[in-house]
């Protein structure tokens, strides 16, 4: 890549590559360029929530470029090109709303367990991989912690995704992310278990 390529030209190249390699047009991915201080930036917004963002990142991040101090490793000011790739925030929030009611029901169901600091885990949703194996979303109630959201995009070997959330809002996000992850990876039969069928593992 030429050091003197403008950020506008870089953004154009990203759009072209996304279309040629992934078949993604501006209807599904927005690529905008600009400046931040003495550096430039490229903001890539994925508007289709079923697009695999990792594939978009692989293309866009080729244009990420920073100069660092040889001694400290810190990023030097000026002349850098920053790249961010994110799903459309508003579309993510809209999808999460579809899980609001069931998330509230599940959250309230485990009020006693949260207060007691229970270590138990409950399978609240499932989806079936192309090979026929089920992947479980396992909920651990908590009043003071939150982790596991990133794991929803990286299913472990035992096919159980474990999330600890301390609010109905967090539970709603987990259900939404799991649903979208399943769709992106061609999983079938995504289902949220009924309240009556949720059992301790």
C-alpha atoms as a PDB file:
ATOM      1  CA  UNK A   1       0.000   0.000   0.000  1.00  0.00           C
ATOM      2  CA  UNK A   2       1.400   3.392  -0.953  1.00  0.00           C
ATOM      3  CA  UNK A   3       2.246   5.576   2.008  1.00  0.00           C
ATOM      4  CA  UNK A   4       0.798   8.564   0.176  1.00  0.00           C
ATOM      5  CA  UNK A   5      -2.619   7.076  -0.577  1.00  0.00           C
ATOM      6  CA  UNK A   6      -5.256   9.494   0.715  1.00  0.00           C
ATOM      7  CA  UNK A   7      -7.824   8.307   3.234  1.00  0.00           C
ATOM      8  CA  UNK A   8     -10.544   8.947   0.650  1.00  0.00           C
ATOM      9  CA  UNK A   9      -8.798   6.597  -1.779  1.00  0.00           C
ATOM     10  CA  UNK A  10      -8.347   4.010   0.965  1.00  0.00           C
ATOM     11  CA  UNK A  11     -12.048   4.087   1.786  1.00  0.00           C
ATOM     12  CA  UNK A  12     -12.825   3.674  -1.902  1.00  0.00           C
ATOM     13  CA  UNK A  13     -10.566   0.618  -2.069  1.00  0.00           C
ATOM     14  CA  UNK A  14     -12.322  -0.897   0.942  1.00  0.00           C
ATOM     15  CA  UNK A  15     -15.735  -0.422  -0.682  1.00  0.00           C
ATOM     16  CA  UNK A  16     -14.485  -2.008  -3.885  1.00  0.00           C
ATOM     17  CA  UNK A  17     -12.942  -4.996  -2.104  1.00  0.00           C
ATOM     18  CA  UNK A  18     -16.041  -5.572   0.038  1.00  0.00           C
ATOM     19  CA  UNK A  19     -18.160  -5.666  -3.102  1.00  0.00           C
ATOM     20  CA  UNK A  20     -15.795  -7.883  -5.098  1.00  0.00           C
ATOM     21  CA  UNK A  21     -14.891 -10.381  -2.353  1.00  0.00           C
ATOM     22  CA  UNK A  22     -17.994 -10.444  -0.147  1.00  0.00           C
ATOM     23  CA  UNK A  23     -20.688  -9.078  -2.452  1.00  0.00           C
ATOM     24  CA  UNK A  24     -21.425  -6.267   0.014  1.00  0.00           C
ATOM     25  CA  UNK A  25     -22.723  -2.973  -1.356  1.00  0.00           C
ATOM     26  CA  UNK A  26     -23.406   0.335   0.410  1.00  0.00           C
ATOM     27  CA  UNK A  27     -26.863  -0.979   1.346  1.00  0.00           C
ATOM     28  CA  UNK A  28     -25.229  -3.439   3.734  1.00  0.00           C
ATOM     29  CA  UNK A  29     -21.969  -1.717   4.678  1.00  0.00           C
ATOM     30  CA  UNK A  30     -21.170   1.981   5.001  1.00  0.00           C
ATOM     31  CA  UNK A  31     -17.556   3.146   4.629  1.00  0.00           C
ATOM     32  CA  UNK A  32     -16.799   6.742   5.623  1.00  0.00           C
ATOM     33  CA  UNK A  33     -13.474   8.525   5.857  1.00  0.00           C
ATOM     34  CA  UNK A  34     -12.336  11.666   7.608  1.00  0.00           C
ATOM     35  CA  UNK A  35      -9.731  13.217   9.857  1.00  0.00           C
ATOM     36  CA  UNK A  36      -9.096  13.309  13.591  1.00  0.00           C
ATOM     37  CA  UNK A  37      -6.461  15.855  14.460  1.00  0.00           C
ATOM     38  CA  UNK A  38      -3.379  15.197  12.311  1.00  0.00           C
ATOM     39  CA  UNK A  39      -4.407  11.613  11.625  1.00  0.00           C
ATOM     40  CA  UNK A  40      -7.085  10.083   9.403  1.00  0.00           C
ATOM     41  CA  UNK A  41      -9.857   7.638  10.162  1.00  0.00           C
ATOM     42  CA  UNK A  42     -12.057   5.148   8.340  1.00  0.00           C
ATOM     43  CA  UNK A  43     -15.364   4.173   9.941  1.00  0.00           C
ATOM     44  CA  UNK A  44     -16.993   1.015   8.624  1.00  0.00           C
ATOM     45  CA  UNK A  45     -20.587   0.398   9.726  1.00  0.00           C
ATOM     46  CA  UNK A  46     -22.159  -2.975   9.007  1.00  0.00           C
ATOM     47  CA  UNK A  47     -25.875  -2.345   8.499  1.00  0.00           C
ATOM     48  CA  UNK A  48     -26.890  -5.957   7.894  1.00  0.00           C
ATOM     49  CA  UNK A  49     -26.679  -7.788  11.236  1.00  0.00           C
ATOM     50  CA  UNK A  50     -26.351 -11.157   9.499  1.00  0.00           C
ATOM     51  CA  UNK A  51     -23.073 -10.196   7.812  1.00  0.00           C
ATOM     52  CA  UNK A  52     -19.989 -11.816   9.373  1.00  0.00           C
ATOM     53  CA  UNK A  53     -18.182  -8.785  10.789  1.00  0.00           C
ATOM     54  CA  UNK A  54     -14.891 -10.679  11.065  1.00  0.00           C
ATOM     55  CA  UNK A  55     -14.710 -10.957   7.274  1.00  0.00           C
ATOM     56  CA  UNK A  56     -15.301  -7.211   6.962  1.00  0.00           C
ATOM     57  CA  UNK A  57     -12.624  -6.499   9.589  1.00  0.00           C
ATOM     58  CA  UNK A  58     -10.102  -8.645   7.732  1.00  0.00           C
ATOM     59  CA  UNK A  59     -10.472  -6.425   4.656  1.00  0.00           C
ATOM     60  CA  UNK A  60     -10.780  -3.034   6.362  1.00  0.00           C
ATOM     61  CA  UNK A  61      -8.002  -3.511   8.916  1.00  0.00           C
ATOM     62  CA  UNK A  62      -5.423  -3.851   6.141  1.00  0.00           C
ATOM     63  CA  UNK A  63      -5.604  -0.061   5.980  1.00  0.00           C
ATOM     64  CA  UNK A  64      -4.983   0.449   9.691  1.00  0.00           C
ATOM     65  CA  UNK A  65      -1.601   2.105  10.085  1.00  0.00           C
ATOM     66  CA  UNK A  66       0.110   3.754  13.067  1.00  0.00           C
ATOM     67  CA  UNK A  67       3.632   4.884  13.905  1.00  0.00           C
ATOM     68  CA  UNK A  68       4.956   3.910  17.317  1.00  0.00           C
ATOM     69  CA  UNK A  69       7.795   5.105  19.489  1.00  0.00           C
ATOM     70  CA  UNK A  70      10.641   2.595  19.132  1.00  0.00           C
ATOM     71  CA  UNK A  71      11.441   2.806  22.825  1.00  0.00           C
ATOM     72  CA  UNK A  72       8.032   2.907  24.569  1.00  0.00           C
ATOM     73  CA  UNK A  73       5.790   1.422  21.910  1.00  0.00           C
ATOM     74  CA  UNK A  74       3.324   4.278  22.320  1.00  0.00           C
ATOM     75  CA  UNK A  75       1.433   5.501  19.246  1.00  0.00           C
ATOM     76  CA  UNK A  76       2.907   8.737  17.933  1.00  0.00           C
ATOM     77  CA  UNK A  77       0.642  11.661  17.150  1.00  0.00           C
ATOM     78  CA  UNK A  78      -0.093  12.511  13.534  1.00  0.00           C
ATOM     79  CA  UNK A  79       0.112  10.609  10.265  1.00  0.00           C
ATOM     80  CA  UNK A  80      -1.810   7.567  11.502  1.00  0.00           C
ATOM     81  CA  UNK A  81      -4.835   5.889   9.934  1.00  0.00           C
ATOM     82  CA  UNK A  82      -7.365   4.483  12.378  1.00  0.00           C
ATOM     83  CA  UNK A  83      -9.994   1.956  11.298  1.00  0.00           C
ATOM     84  CA  UNK A  84     -13.131   0.971  13.215  1.00  0.00           C
ATOM     85  CA  UNK A  85     -15.589  -1.719  12.147  1.00  0.00           C
ATOM     86  CA  UNK A  86     -18.870  -1.973  14.045  1.00  0.00           C
ATOM     87  CA  UNK A  87     -22.409  -3.207  13.558  1.00  0.00           C
ATOM     88  CA  UNK A  88     -25.017  -0.466  13.235  1.00  0.00           C
ATOM     89  CA  UNK A  89     -25.838   0.458  16.844  1.00  0.00           C
ATOM     90  CA  UNK A  90     -29.489   1.346  16.236  1.00  0.00           C
ATOM     91  CA  UNK A  91     -30.172  -1.897  14.360  1.00  0.00           C
ATOM     92  CA  UNK A  92     -28.620  -3.897  17.197  1.00  0.00           C
ATOM     93  CA  UNK A  93     -30.870  -2.144  19.714  1.00  0.00           C
ATOM     94  CA  UNK A  94     -33.946  -2.842  17.551  1.00  0.00           C
ATOM     95  CA  UNK A  95     -33.122  -6.542  17.421  1.00  0.00           C
ATOM     96  CA  UNK A  96     -32.575  -6.641  21.178  1.00  0.00           C
ATOM     97  CA  UNK A  97     -36.094  -5.282  21.698  1.00  0.00           C
ATOM     98  CA  UNK A  98     -37.499  -8.501  20.240  1.00  0.00           C
ATOM     99  CA  UNK A  99     -36.043 -10.334  23.263  1.00  0.00           C
ATOM    100  CA  UNK A 100     -37.190  -7.859  25.939  1.00  0.00           C
ATOM    101  CA  UNK A 101     -40.252  -9.658  27.284  1.00  0.00           C
ATOM    102  CA  UNK A 102     -38.713 -13.120  27.590  1.00  0.00           C
ATOM    103  CA  UNK A 103     -35.511 -11.651  29.081  1.00  0.00           C
ATOM    104  CA  UNK A 104     -37.560  -9.918  31.768  1.00  0.00           C
ATOM    105  CA  UNK A 105     -39.426 -13.140  32.560  1.00  0.00           C
ATOM    106  CA  UNK A 106     -36.224 -15.189  32.842  1.00  0.00           C
ATOM    107  CA  UNK A 107     -34.502 -12.517  34.920  1.00  0.00           C
ATOM    108  CA  UNK A 108     -37.384 -12.355  37.413  1.00  0.00           C
ATOM    109  CA  UNK A 109     -37.538 -16.152  37.595  1.00  0.00           C
ATOM    110  CA  UNK A 110     -34.060 -16.284  39.152  1.00  0.00           C
ATOM    111  CA  UNK A 111     -34.384 -13.460  41.674  1.00  0.00           C
ATOM    112  CA  UNK A 112     -33.855 -15.780  44.641  1.00  0.00           C
ATOM    113  CA  UNK A 113     -30.803 -17.409  43.038  1.00  0.00           C
ATOM    114  CA  UNK A 114     -29.193 -14.007  42.412  1.00  0.00           C
ATOM    115  CA  UNK A 115     -29.721 -12.888  45.988  1.00  0.00           C
ATOM    116  CA  UNK A 116     -28.343 -16.161  47.300  1.00  0.00           C
ATOM    117  CA  UNK A 117     -25.274 -15.964  45.049  1.00  0.00           C
ATOM    118  CA  UNK A 118     -26.128 -19.268  43.375  1.00  0.00           C
ATOM    119  CA  UNK A 119     -23.414 -20.887  41.248  1.00  0.00           C
ATOM    120  CA  UNK A 120     -25.925 -22.869  39.203  1.00  0.00           C
ATOM    121  CA  UNK A 121     -26.273 -22.493  35.454  1.00  0.00           C
ATOM    122  CA  UNK A 122     -29.492 -22.696  33.442  1.00  0.00           C
ATOM    123  CA  UNK A 123     -29.826 -23.405  29.737  1.00  0.00           C
ATOM    124  CA  UNK A 124     -32.139 -20.694  28.404  1.00  0.00           C
ATOM    125  CA  UNK A 125     -31.684 -21.037  24.632  1.00  0.00           C
ATOM    126  CA  UNK A 126     -30.447 -23.497  22.049  1.00  0.00           C
ATOM    127  CA  UNK A 127     -29.523 -23.621  18.368  1.00  0.00           C
ATOM    128  CA  UNK A 128     -28.469 -26.520  16.165  1.00  0.00           C
ATOM    129  CA  UNK A 129     -25.188 -26.462  14.242  1.00  0.00           C
ATOM    130  CA  UNK A 130     -25.004 -27.756  10.642  1.00  0.00           C
ATOM    131  CA  UNK A 131     -23.547 -31.023  11.998  1.00  0.00           C
ATOM    132  CA  UNK A 132     -26.661 -31.581  14.100  1.00  0.00           C
ATOM    133  CA  UNK A 133     -25.056 -30.756  17.468  1.00  0.00           C
ATOM    134  CA  UNK A 134     -26.907 -28.349  19.753  1.00  0.00           C
ATOM    135  CA  UNK A 135     -25.216 -25.254  21.187  1.00  0.00           C
ATOM    136  CA  UNK A 136     -26.578 -24.065  24.543  1.00  0.00           C
ATOM    137  CA  UNK A 137     -26.743 -20.546  25.946  1.00  0.00           C
ATOM    138  CA  UNK A 138     -26.254 -21.019  29.693  1.00  0.00           C
ATOM    139  CA  UNK A 139     -27.296 -18.239  32.077  1.00  0.00           C
ATOM    140  CA  UNK A 140     -25.636 -17.699  35.451  1.00  0.00           C
ATOM    141  CA  UNK A 141     -27.594 -15.213  37.618  1.00  0.00           C
ATOM    142  CA  UNK A 142     -25.571 -12.499  39.326  1.00  0.00           C
ATOM    143  CA  UNK A 143     -26.214  -9.266  41.175  1.00  0.00           C
ATOM    144  CA  UNK A 144     -22.688  -7.908  40.816  1.00  0.00           C
ATOM    145  CA  UNK A 145     -21.000  -9.200  37.681  1.00  0.00           C
ATOM    146  CA  UNK A 146     -21.210  -9.417  33.930  1.00  0.00           C
ATOM    147  CA  UNK A 147     -19.056 -11.484  31.563  1.00  0.00           C
ATOM    148  CA  UNK A 148     -19.294 -13.832  28.625  1.00  0.00           C
ATOM    149  CA  UNK A 149     -20.827 -11.572  25.971  1.00  0.00           C
ATOM    150  CA  UNK A 150     -17.757 -11.906  23.740  1.00  0.00           C
ATOM    151  CA  UNK A 151     -17.950 -15.699  24.037  1.00  0.00           C
ATOM    152  CA  UNK A 152     -21.235 -15.650  22.138  1.00  0.00           C
ATOM    153  CA  UNK A 153     -19.195 -15.141  18.983  1.00  0.00           C
ATOM    154  CA  UNK A 154     -16.699 -17.868  19.884  1.00  0.00           C
ATOM    155  CA  UNK A 155     -18.447 -21.125  20.785  1.00  0.00           C
ATOM    156  CA  UNK A 156     -16.237 -23.272  23.067  1.00  0.00           C
ATOM    157  CA  UNK A 157     -15.378 -26.914  22.493  1.00  0.00           C
ATOM    158  CA  UNK A 158     -18.130 -28.228  24.760  1.00  0.00           C
ATOM    159  CA  UNK A 159     -20.787 -26.294  22.783  1.00  0.00           C
ATOM    160  CA  UNK A 160     -21.956 -24.352  25.821  1.00  0.00           C
ATOM    161  CA  UNK A 161     -21.830 -20.563  25.871  1.00  0.00           C
ATOM    162  CA  UNK A 162     -21.814 -19.279  29.440  1.00  0.00           C
ATOM    163  CA  UNK A 163     -22.943 -15.752  30.284  1.00  0.00           C
ATOM    164  CA  UNK A 164     -23.103 -14.026  33.649  1.00  0.00           C
ATOM    165  CA  UNK A 165     -25.372 -10.986  33.623  1.00  0.00           C
ATOM    166  CA  UNK A 166     -26.723  -8.813  36.428  1.00  0.00           C
ATOM    167  CA  UNK A 167     -29.754  -7.262  34.698  1.00  0.00           C
ATOM    168  CA  UNK A 168     -32.640  -8.034  32.378  1.00  0.00           C
ATOM    169  CA  UNK A 169     -30.980  -5.652  29.933  1.00  0.00           C
ATOM    170  CA  UNK A 170     -27.851  -7.805  29.849  1.00  0.00           C
ATOM    171  CA  UNK A 171     -29.931 -10.945  29.422  1.00  0.00           C
ATOM    172  CA  UNK A 172     -31.752  -9.339  26.502  1.00  0.00           C
ATOM    173  CA  UNK A 173     -28.427  -8.519  24.849  1.00  0.00           C
ATOM    174  CA  UNK A 174     -27.166 -12.084  25.355  1.00  0.00           C
ATOM    175  CA  UNK A 175     -30.275 -13.625  23.773  1.00  0.00           C
ATOM    176  CA  UNK A 176     -30.099 -11.219  20.845  1.00  0.00           C
ATOM    177  CA  UNK A 177     -26.390 -11.849  20.221  1.00  0.00           C
ATOM    178  CA  UNK A 178     -26.872 -15.609  20.397  1.00  0.00           C
ATOM    179  CA  UNK A 179     -29.782 -15.476  17.943  1.00  0.00           C
ATOM    180  CA  UNK A 180     -27.778 -13.406  15.433  1.00  0.00           C
ATOM    181  CA  UNK A 181     -24.682 -15.576  15.879  1.00  0.00           C
ATOM    182  CA  UNK A 182     -26.763 -18.653  15.092  1.00  0.00           C
ATOM    183  CA  UNK A 183     -28.180 -17.078  11.941  1.00  0.00           C
ATOM    184  CA  UNK A 184     -24.788 -15.888  10.679  1.00  0.00           C
ATOM    185  CA  UNK A 185     -23.357 -19.371  11.050  1.00  0.00           C
ATOM    186  CA  UNK A 186     -26.287 -21.190   9.423  1.00  0.00           C
ATOM    187  CA  UNK A 187     -27.460 -22.780  12.657  1.00  0.00           C
ATOM    188  CA  UNK A 188     -31.056 -23.972  12.622  1.00  0.00           C
ATOM    189  CA  UNK A 189     -33.864 -24.335  15.122  1.00  0.00           C
ATOM    190  CA  UNK A 190     -32.921 -21.401  17.344  1.00  0.00           C
ATOM    191  CA  UNK A 191     -35.264 -21.526  20.317  1.00  0.00           C
ATOM    192  CA  UNK A 192     -35.603 -19.874  23.687  1.00  0.00           C
ATOM    193  CA  UNK A 193     -36.725 -22.442  26.229  1.00  0.00           C
ATOM    194  CA  UNK A 194     -40.090 -21.917  27.853  1.00  0.00           C
ATOM    195  CA  UNK A 195     -40.044 -20.700  31.434  1.00  0.00           C
ATOM    196  CA  UNK A 196     -41.436 -24.015  32.678  1.00  0.00           C
ATOM    197  CA  UNK A 197     -38.748 -26.073  30.931  1.00  0.00           C
ATOM    198  CA  UNK A 198     -35.702 -24.162  32.176  1.00  0.00           C
ATOM    199  CA  UNK A 199     -33.878 -26.560  34.488  1.00  0.00           C
ATOM    200  CA  UNK A 200     -30.633 -26.515  36.438  1.00  0.00           C
ATOM    201  CA  UNK A 201     -27.704 -28.163  34.664  1.00  0.00           C
END
